Amino acid sequence: MDVLKLISRNKDLFDRDVNSNQIILSDLVSKSKFLVIGGAGSIGQAVTKEIFKRNPKKLHVVDISENNLVELVRDIRSSYGYIDGDFRTFALDIGSPIYDAFIEADGEFDYVLNLSALKHVRSEKDPFTLMRMIEVNILNTLKTIRQSREKGVKKYFCVSTDKAANPVNMMGASKRIMELFLMRESREISISTARFANVAFSDGSLLHGFNQRIQKRQPIVAPNDIKRYFVSPQESGELCLLSCLLGDNKDIFFPKLSEELHLITFAEIAVNYLKQLDYEPYICGSEEEAREFFNSHKSLNDQKKYWPCYFTKSDTTGEKDFEEFFMDGETLDLEKFENLGIVKSSLPYEEEKLDWFLAEINAMLERRQWSKTDLLNIFNELLPAFDHKETGKYLDAKM
């Protein structure tokens, strides 16, 4: 499957930026020790492979998913083989005391890259998953930054999202709040981050779901009114590595919006995807028609390879009408790289409000009782301009 063709591009976005900095990237990696947290997710695997192929002195990878770590190792061995450096994986929950013991025993790293995140807008559908999102995106980030500082790590990187710029959903707002904490913590340790476009076929994404639907002979469903920017998995790894190794303290990297980064709807990608598999999309008028396609259109499928599709308008909570990577008032550097921009300004934050936010969240966790409204009120207090788009409908209620 040609990912670039699916997203209507014919070349890698960051090729020239990576190639022009290849010597310094390879030199830094070969001299350094790395810890990748959340390294078995889609972006984490891409980052791990970018580091591995440049022969690091030490590369340890932590992830909560044992199975994904196994696949990561198989993938690396099949693609790149072996290195002289110390390469190991650990199936650990970074919120656990077991992870704390691991850091105490194995905390000598030059660079720590945190790719763990709850990234789905659907994670705000209930108060418990929402609190888990706060724990992963904010609390665990703070914890691992402070552990890195105590261990003398020279640079900490973690991943943000385009949805942190003028957020309209709780996921984006959680990353925006994380960015505010990054600014405060950067007084004690060098930190950089990156705001992402959608990573094509990342685990759990709608595009990844296309593969599952084909395997299970189920219809493909996608919104036809939402346009998004996409990067390939390899590009996601390159973006993180460039920010981590070449970014200054407080830098936020993002893909430049240019003719090389195309807006495309999910429905358009679905059509491209099916055509690469030699299928013609068969447009259905309802979910029921799409589900029944393989039973009711046997003769049609005998004549030509068709696949049922149901394309709809989006009406679920938290969907942003457009994507943006920076906000009014942020200072930009658009000259250093060809296809990467950098937010250079230090995001303003109020020390007392950050402390208050942590106190409120910890009090809720101690009581073991909170509502989505409680959490939304805290977010609004910290982010007065937060414009939450609540429709009462969530993706779990759709195919």
Protein backbone atom coordinates (compact mmCIF):
# COMPACT_ATOMS: atom_id res chain seq x y z
CA MET A 1 0.00 0.00 0.00
CA ASP A 2 1.50 3.35 -1.10
CA VAL A 3 0.66 5.68 1.81
CA LEU A 4 1.81 8.83 0.01
CA LYS A 5 -0.47 8.17 -2.97
CA LEU A 6 -3.38 7.61 -0.61
CA ILE A 7 -2.92 11.11 0.82
CA SER A 8 -2.40 12.59 -2.68
CA ARG A 9 1.35 13.20 -2.42
CA ASN A 10 4.23 11.86 -4.47
CA LYS A 11 7.24 12.57 -2.23
CA ASP A 12 8.25 12.56 1.43
CA LEU A 13 7.65 15.89 3.09
CA PHE A 14 10.85 16.16 5.13
CA ASP A 15 13.35 14.55 2.73
CA ARG A 16 15.36 17.69 2.11
CA ASP A 17 15.37 18.74 5.77
CA VAL A 18 16.54 15.29 6.88
CA ASN A 19 19.15 14.99 4.12
CA SER A 20 20.63 18.43 4.75
CA ASN A 21 21.03 17.56 8.44
CA GLN A 22 21.92 13.89 8.00
CA ILE A 23 25.52 14.17 9.18
CA ILE A 24 24.69 15.97 12.41
CA LEU A 25 21.71 13.68 13.10
CA SER A 26 23.78 10.53 12.62
CA ASP A 27 26.65 11.94 14.69
CA LEU A 28 24.38 12.92 17.61
CA VAL A 29 22.53 9.60 17.60
CA SER A 30 25.72 7.49 17.43
CA LYS A 31 27.12 9.25 20.51
CA SER A 32 23.96 9.20 22.59
CA LYS A 33 21.70 7.13 24.85
CA PHE A 34 17.94 7.19 24.24
CA LEU A 35 14.80 6.24 26.11
CA VAL A 36 11.61 6.12 24.03
CA ILE A 37 8.40 6.06 26.09
CA GLY A 38 5.30 4.83 24.27
CA GLY A 39 7.66 3.41 21.70
CA ALA A 40 5.35 0.67 20.43
CA GLY A 41 2.60 2.98 19.22
CA SER A 42 2.53 4.15 15.63
CA ILE A 43 4.60 7.31 16.12
CA GLY A 44 6.74 5.63 18.77
CA GLN A 45 7.68 2.81 16.41
CA ALA A 46 8.54 5.31 13.68
CA VAL A 47 10.76 7.30 16.08
CA THR A 48 12.42 4.16 17.40
CA LYS A 49 13.31 3.05 13.88
CA GLU A 50 14.73 6.48 13.00
CA ILE A 51 17.02 6.26 16.04
CA PHE A 52 17.92 2.58 15.61
CA LYS A 53 19.08 2.92 12.01
CA ARG A 54 21.58 5.60 13.09
CA ASN A 55 23.35 3.25 15.55
CA PRO A 56 22.77 4.74 19.02
CA LYS A 57 24.96 3.78 21.98
CA LYS A 58 21.82 2.82 23.90
CA LEU A 59 18.17 2.58 22.92
CA HIS A 60 15.63 1.41 25.47
CA VAL A 61 11.96 1.35 24.58
CA VAL A 62 9.07 1.32 27.05
CA ASP A 63 5.42 0.67 26.22
CA ILE A 64 2.38 -0.71 27.99
CA SER A 65 1.61 -3.05 25.06
CA GLU A 66 3.63 -6.26 25.21
CA ASN A 67 2.32 -7.43 21.83
CA ASN A 68 3.20 -4.21 20.03
CA LEU A 69 6.71 -4.31 21.48
CA VAL A 70 7.14 -7.83 20.09
CA GLU A 71 6.07 -6.62 16.64
CA LEU A 72 8.41 -3.61 16.92
CA VAL A 73 11.39 -5.90 17.55
CA ARG A 74 10.40 -8.23 14.70
CA ASP A 75 10.01 -5.24 12.39
CA ILE A 76 13.41 -3.79 13.33
CA ARG A 77 15.22 -7.10 13.04
CA SER A 78 13.61 -7.75 9.65
CA SER A 79 14.40 -4.27 8.31
CA TYR A 80 17.69 -3.23 9.93
CA GLY A 81 19.16 -6.25 11.69
CA TYR A 82 21.37 -5.45 14.69
CA ILE A 83 23.49 -2.67 16.16
CA ASP A 84 26.48 -2.64 18.51
CA GLY A 85 24.59 -0.45 20.97
CA ASP A 86 22.36 -1.63 23.82
CA PHE A 87 18.85 -2.14 22.36
CA ARG A 88 16.14 -3.43 24.71
CA THR A 89 12.37 -3.19 25.18
CA PHE A 90 10.33 -3.15 28.41
CA ALA A 91 6.58 -3.78 28.75
CA LEU A 92 5.86 -1.23 31.49
CA ASP A 93 3.15 1.22 32.52
CA ILE A 94 4.92 4.54 33.05
CA GLY A 95 2.36 5.53 35.68
CA SER A 96 3.33 2.56 37.88
CA PRO A 97 5.86 2.20 40.70
CA ILE A 98 7.49 -0.57 38.65
CA TYR A 99 8.42 2.03 36.03
CA ASP A 100 9.83 4.22 38.82
CA ALA A 101 12.05 1.33 39.88
CA PHE A 102 13.14 0.89 36.25
CA ILE A 103 14.19 4.55 36.06
CA GLU A 104 16.11 4.26 39.31
CA ALA A 105 17.97 1.24 37.97
CA ASP A 106 18.31 2.30 34.32
CA GLY A 107 18.00 6.06 34.18
CA GLU A 108 21.19 7.02 32.33
CA PHE A 109 19.98 8.63 29.11
CA ASP A 110 20.92 11.68 27.09
CA TYR A 111 17.53 12.00 25.41
CA VAL A 112 14.07 10.96 26.59
CA LEU A 113 11.29 10.96 23.99
CA ASN A 114 7.75 10.55 25.29
CA LEU A 115 5.34 9.40 22.57
CA SER A 116 2.66 8.04 24.90
CA ALA A 117 -0.71 9.76 24.53
CA LEU A 118 -4.45 9.30 24.49
CA LYS A 119 -5.05 10.85 21.11
CA HIS A 120 -8.70 10.19 20.30
CA VAL A 121 -11.46 12.76 20.54
CA ARG A 122 -13.70 9.83 21.49
CA SER A 123 -11.74 9.56 24.77
CA GLU A 124 -13.89 12.36 26.19
CA LYS A 125 -17.13 10.40 25.89
CA ASP A 126 -17.17 9.45 29.61
CA PRO A 127 -15.56 10.98 32.73
CA PHE A 128 -13.35 7.96 33.47
CA THR A 129 -11.68 7.69 30.08
CA LEU A 130 -11.36 11.47 30.14
CA MET A 131 -9.50 11.35 33.46
CA ARG A 132 -7.26 8.64 32.02
CA MET A 133 -6.49 11.02 29.16
CA ILE A 134 -5.51 13.73 31.67
CA GLU A 135 -3.33 11.21 33.51
CA VAL A 136 -1.51 10.10 30.35
CA ASN A 137 -1.25 13.42 28.52
CA ILE A 138 -0.49 15.67 31.49
CA LEU A 139 0.32 13.91 34.78
CA ASN A 140 2.58 11.21 33.35
CA THR A 141 4.33 13.78 31.18
CA LEU A 142 5.11 15.86 34.26
CA LYS A 143 6.29 12.78 36.12
CA THR A 144 8.67 11.65 33.39
CA ILE A 145 10.03 15.18 32.86
CA ARG A 146 10.91 15.47 36.53
CA GLN A 147 12.47 12.02 36.58
CA SER A 148 14.53 12.97 33.54
CA ARG A 149 15.70 16.17 35.20
CA GLU A 150 16.72 14.31 38.36
CA LYS A 151 18.69 11.81 36.27
CA GLY A 152 20.59 14.50 34.37
CA VAL A 153 18.96 13.95 30.96
CA LYS A 154 20.08 16.69 28.56
CA LYS A 155 16.88 16.89 26.47
CA TYR A 156 13.25 15.84 26.86
CA PHE A 157 10.87 15.59 23.91
CA CYS A 158 7.16 14.86 23.93
CA VAL A 159 4.53 14.92 21.24
CA SER A 160 1.70 17.44 21.05
CA THR A 161 -1.00 17.86 18.39
CA ASP A 162 -2.34 20.42 15.93
CA LYS A 163 -5.54 20.24 17.99
CA ALA A 164 -3.71 22.04 20.82
CA ALA A 165 -3.85 25.24 18.74
CA ASN A 166 -7.18 26.91 19.62
CA PRO A 167 -8.63 23.60 20.90
CA VAL A 168 -12.31 22.70 20.51
CA ASN A 169 -12.15 19.26 22.17
CA MET A 170 -10.89 17.96 25.50
CA MET A 171 -8.10 15.96 23.87
CA GLY A 172 -6.67 19.06 22.20
CA ALA A 173 -7.16 21.07 25.40
CA SER A 174 -5.29 18.43 27.42
CA LYS A 175 -2.34 18.77 25.05
CA ARG A 176 -2.56 22.56 25.25
CA ILE A 177 -2.40 22.33 29.04
CA MET A 178 0.53 19.92 28.68
CA GLU A 179 2.31 22.54 26.57
CA LEU A 180 1.84 25.11 29.37
CA PHE A 181 3.43 22.70 31.84
CA LEU A 182 6.27 22.10 29.36
CA MET A 183 7.01 25.82 29.34
CA ARG A 184 7.25 25.84 33.14
CA GLU A 185 9.37 22.70 33.34
CA SER A 186 11.70 24.03 30.63
CA ARG A 187 13.23 26.33 33.24
CA GLU A 188 14.96 23.24 34.68
CA ILE A 189 15.53 20.97 31.66
CA SER A 190 15.69 21.54 27.90
CA ILE A 191 12.39 20.54 26.26
CA SER A 192 11.05 20.56 22.72
CA THR A 193 7.86 19.22 21.19
CA ALA A 194 5.96 18.93 17.89
CA ARG A 195 2.40 19.65 16.85
CA PHE A 196 1.29 16.91 14.48
CA ALA A 197 -0.96 16.53 11.55
CA ASN A 198 -2.81 13.21 11.36
CA VAL A 199 -0.49 10.24 10.95
CA ALA A 200 -1.85 8.10 8.14
CA PHE A 201 -2.80 4.58 9.26
CA SER A 202 -1.69 5.12 12.87
CA ASP A 203 -3.07 2.56 15.34
CA GLY A 204 -6.74 3.12 16.08
CA SER A 205 -7.18 5.78 13.39
CA LEU A 206 -9.99 5.71 10.87
CA LEU A 207 -7.52 4.88 8.11
CA HIS A 208 -6.09 1.99 10.15
CA GLY A 209 -9.68 0.82 10.50
CA PHE A 210 -9.93 0.54 6.71
CA ASN A 211 -7.51 -2.40 6.88
CA GLN A 212 -9.66 -4.09 9.52
CA ARG A 213 -12.84 -3.58 7.51
CA ILE A 214 -11.30 -5.21 4.44
CA GLN A 215 -10.04 -8.19 6.45
CA LYS A 216 -13.47 -8.65 8.07
CA ARG A 217 -15.49 -7.97 4.90
CA GLN A 218 -17.25 -4.98 6.41
CA PRO A 219 -18.21 -1.64 4.83
CA ILE A 220 -15.95 1.40 4.91
CA VAL A 221 -17.53 4.42 6.59
CA ALA A 222 -15.99 7.91 6.58
CA PRO A 223 -16.97 11.58 6.85
CA ASN A 224 -17.07 13.44 3.54
CA ASP A 225 -17.07 16.99 4.90
CA ILE A 226 -13.89 17.09 7.02
CA LYS A 227 -10.52 17.84 5.44
CA ARG A 228 -7.30 16.98 7.21
CA TYR A 229 -3.54 17.15 6.68
CA PHE A 230 -1.71 13.84 6.84
CA VAL A 231 1.87 12.77 7.31
CA SER A 232 3.22 9.26 6.75
CA PRO A 233 4.48 7.14 9.68
CA GLN A 234 8.08 7.68 8.53
CA GLU A 235 7.53 11.44 8.39
CA SER A 236 6.17 11.37 11.94
CA GLY A 237 9.39 9.73 13.14
CA GLU A 238 11.52 12.25 11.26
CA LEU A 239 9.57 15.20 12.69
CA CYS A 240 10.10 13.96 16.26
CA LEU A 241 13.81 13.26 15.74
CA LEU A 242 14.44 16.67 14.17
CA SER A 243 12.66 18.45 17.01
CA CYS A 244 14.39 16.41 19.70
CA LEU A 245 17.94 16.70 18.36
CA LEU A 246 17.90 20.06 16.57
CA GLY A 247 15.23 22.02 18.43
CA ASP A 248 16.11 24.67 20.99
CA ASN A 249 14.58 24.74 24.45
CA LYS A 250 10.80 25.49 24.25
CA ASP A 251 10.65 24.96 20.47
CA ILE A 252 7.42 23.56 19.03
CA PHE A 253 7.97 22.06 15.56
CA PHE A 254 5.16 21.69 13.02
CA PRO A 255 4.79 20.83 9.30
CA LYS A 256 4.60 23.91 7.12
CA LEU A 257 1.32 24.35 5.33
CA SER A 258 2.43 24.36 1.72
CA GLU A 259 1.48 22.95 -1.64
CA GLU A 260 3.32 19.77 -0.61
CA LEU A 261 1.01 19.13 2.36
CA HIS A 262 -2.44 18.60 0.89
CA LEU A 263 -5.78 18.87 2.59
CA ILE A 264 -7.88 15.79 1.82
CA THR A 265 -11.14 14.34 3.10
CA PHE A 266 -11.40 10.92 4.71
CA ALA A 267 -13.85 9.92 2.00
CA GLU A 268 -11.32 10.79 -0.71
CA ILE A 269 -8.70 8.67 1.04
CA ALA A 270 -11.19 5.80 1.27
CA VAL A 271 -11.72 5.93 -2.50
CA ASN A 272 -7.94 6.07 -3.14
CA TYR A 273 -7.46 3.17 -0.73
CA LEU A 274 -10.03 0.95 -2.43
CA LYS A 275 -8.65 1.70 -5.88
CA GLN A 276 -5.16 0.61 -4.77
CA LEU A 277 -6.79 -2.71 -3.85
CA ASP A 278 -8.53 -2.83 -7.25
CA TYR A 279 -11.97 -2.19 -5.79
CA GLU A 280 -14.58 0.30 -6.96
CA PRO A 281 -16.46 2.09 -4.16
CA TYR A 282 -20.16 1.29 -4.06
CA ILE A 283 -21.83 4.28 -2.40
CA CYS A 284 -24.60 3.27 0.01
CA GLY A 285 -27.39 5.49 1.31
CA SER A 286 -27.51 4.14 4.87
CA GLU A 287 -25.59 2.09 7.42
CA GLU A 288 -28.08 -0.74 6.98
CA GLU A 289 -27.57 -0.88 3.22
CA ALA A 290 -23.80 -0.89 3.74
CA ARG A 291 -23.98 -3.72 6.28
CA GLU A 292 -26.18 -5.83 4.00
CA PHE A 293 -24.16 -5.23 0.84
CA PHE A 294 -22.36 -8.58 0.70
CA ASN A 295 -25.64 -10.47 1.09
CA SER A 296 -27.77 -8.38 -1.27
CA HIS A 297 -25.32 -7.56 -4.09
CA LYS A 298 -23.73 -10.92 -4.88
CA SER A 299 -24.46 -10.66 -8.60
CA LEU A 300 -23.04 -7.14 -8.72
CA ASN A 301 -19.83 -8.30 -7.07
CA ASP A 302 -19.50 -11.14 -9.55
CA GLN A 303 -19.30 -8.65 -12.41
CA LYS A 304 -16.75 -6.30 -10.86
CA LYS A 305 -14.95 -5.89 -7.58
CA TYR A 306 -17.01 -3.42 -5.53
CA TRP A 307 -16.77 -2.44 -1.87
CA PRO A 308 -19.59 -0.84 0.11
CA CYS A 309 -18.97 2.70 1.37
CA TYR A 310 -21.12 4.98 3.47
CA PHE A 311 -19.98 8.60 3.47
CA THR A 312 -21.67 11.03 5.86
CA LYS A 313 -21.41 14.51 7.29
CA SER A 314 -19.72 14.76 10.68
CA ASP A 315 -21.90 15.69 13.66
CA THR A 316 -19.94 14.29 16.61
CA THR A 317 -18.49 16.11 19.61
CA GLY A 318 -15.08 17.73 19.31
CA GLU A 319 -14.57 17.69 15.55
CA LYS A 320 -12.62 20.75 14.45
CA ASP A 321 -13.69 22.38 11.20
CA PHE A 322 -10.10 23.08 10.11
CA GLU A 323 -6.54 22.36 11.17
CA GLU A 324 -3.98 24.87 12.37
CA PHE A 325 -0.51 24.49 13.86
CA PHE A 326 -0.02 27.86 15.53
CA MET A 327 -2.06 30.70 17.03
CA ASP A 328 -2.13 34.48 16.97
CA GLY A 329 0.66 35.93 19.08
CA GLU A 330 3.07 33.02 18.69
CA THR A 331 6.47 33.91 17.22
CA LEU A 332 7.37 31.73 14.25
CA ASP A 333 10.63 30.70 12.58
CA LEU A 334 9.80 29.67 9.03
CA GLU A 335 13.35 29.96 7.68
CA LYS A 336 15.45 27.35 9.50
CA PHE A 337 13.91 24.36 7.69
CA GLU A 338 12.34 23.93 4.28
CA ASN A 339 9.17 22.09 5.27
CA LEU A 340 9.17 22.57 9.03
CA GLY A 341 8.07 25.62 10.98
CA ILE A 342 8.94 26.36 14.60
CA VAL A 343 6.91 28.16 17.25
CA LYS A 344 9.63 30.09 19.10
CA SER A 345 7.64 32.08 21.63
CA SER A 346 7.38 30.91 25.21
CA LEU A 347 3.69 30.21 25.81
CA PRO A 348 2.45 32.42 28.67
CA TYR A 349 1.25 30.63 31.79
CA GLU A 350 0.15 31.52 35.30
CA GLU A 351 2.13 29.61 37.94
CA GLU A 352 -0.70 29.67 40.49
CA LYS A 353 -3.25 28.33 38.01
CA LEU A 354 -1.03 25.40 37.03
CA ASP A 355 -0.60 24.48 40.70
CA TRP A 356 -4.35 24.87 41.24
CA PHE A 357 -5.09 22.60 38.28
CA LEU A 358 -2.88 19.81 39.66
CA ALA A 359 -4.39 20.20 43.14
CA GLU A 360 -7.94 19.93 41.79
CA ILE A 361 -7.18 16.86 39.66
CA ASN A 362 -5.36 15.11 42.51
CA ALA A 363 -8.24 15.87 44.91
CA MET A 364 -10.70 14.26 42.48
CA LEU A 365 -8.49 11.21 42.14
CA GLU A 366 -8.23 10.87 45.92
CA ARG A 367 -12.04 11.15 46.27
CA ARG A 368 -12.48 8.75 43.33
CA GLN A 369 -15.39 10.86 42.19
CA TRP A 370 -15.74 13.42 39.39
CA SER A 371 -17.96 14.26 36.43
CA LYS A 372 -17.20 15.39 32.92
CA THR A 373 -18.62 18.80 33.86
CA ASP A 374 -16.15 19.03 36.77
CA LEU A 375 -13.25 18.41 34.40
CA LEU A 376 -14.59 20.76 31.74
CA ASN A 377 -14.90 23.54 34.34
CA ILE A 378 -11.25 23.06 35.35
CA PHE A 379 -10.14 23.14 31.73
CA ASN A 380 -12.11 26.35 31.14
CA GLU A 381 -10.52 27.98 34.18
CA LEU A 382 -7.03 27.24 32.87
CA LEU A 383 -7.91 27.96 29.22
CA PRO A 384 -10.48 30.79 29.21
CA ALA A 385 -10.64 30.79 25.39
CA PHE A 386 -11.33 27.04 25.21
CA ASP A 387 -14.32 26.62 22.87
CA HIS A 388 -15.60 23.12 23.53
CA LYS A 389 -17.86 21.80 20.77
CA GLU A 390 -20.40 19.55 22.48
CA THR A 391 -23.05 17.98 20.23
CA GLY A 392 -24.17 15.15 22.49
CA LYS A 393 -23.07 12.66 19.80
CA TYR A 394 -19.90 10.55 19.91
CA LEU A 395 -18.04 8.37 17.43
CA ASP A 396 -18.79 5.18 19.39
CA ALA A 397 -22.43 5.62 18.34
CA LYS A 398 -21.46 5.31 14.67
CA MET A 399 -20.04 2.55 12.46
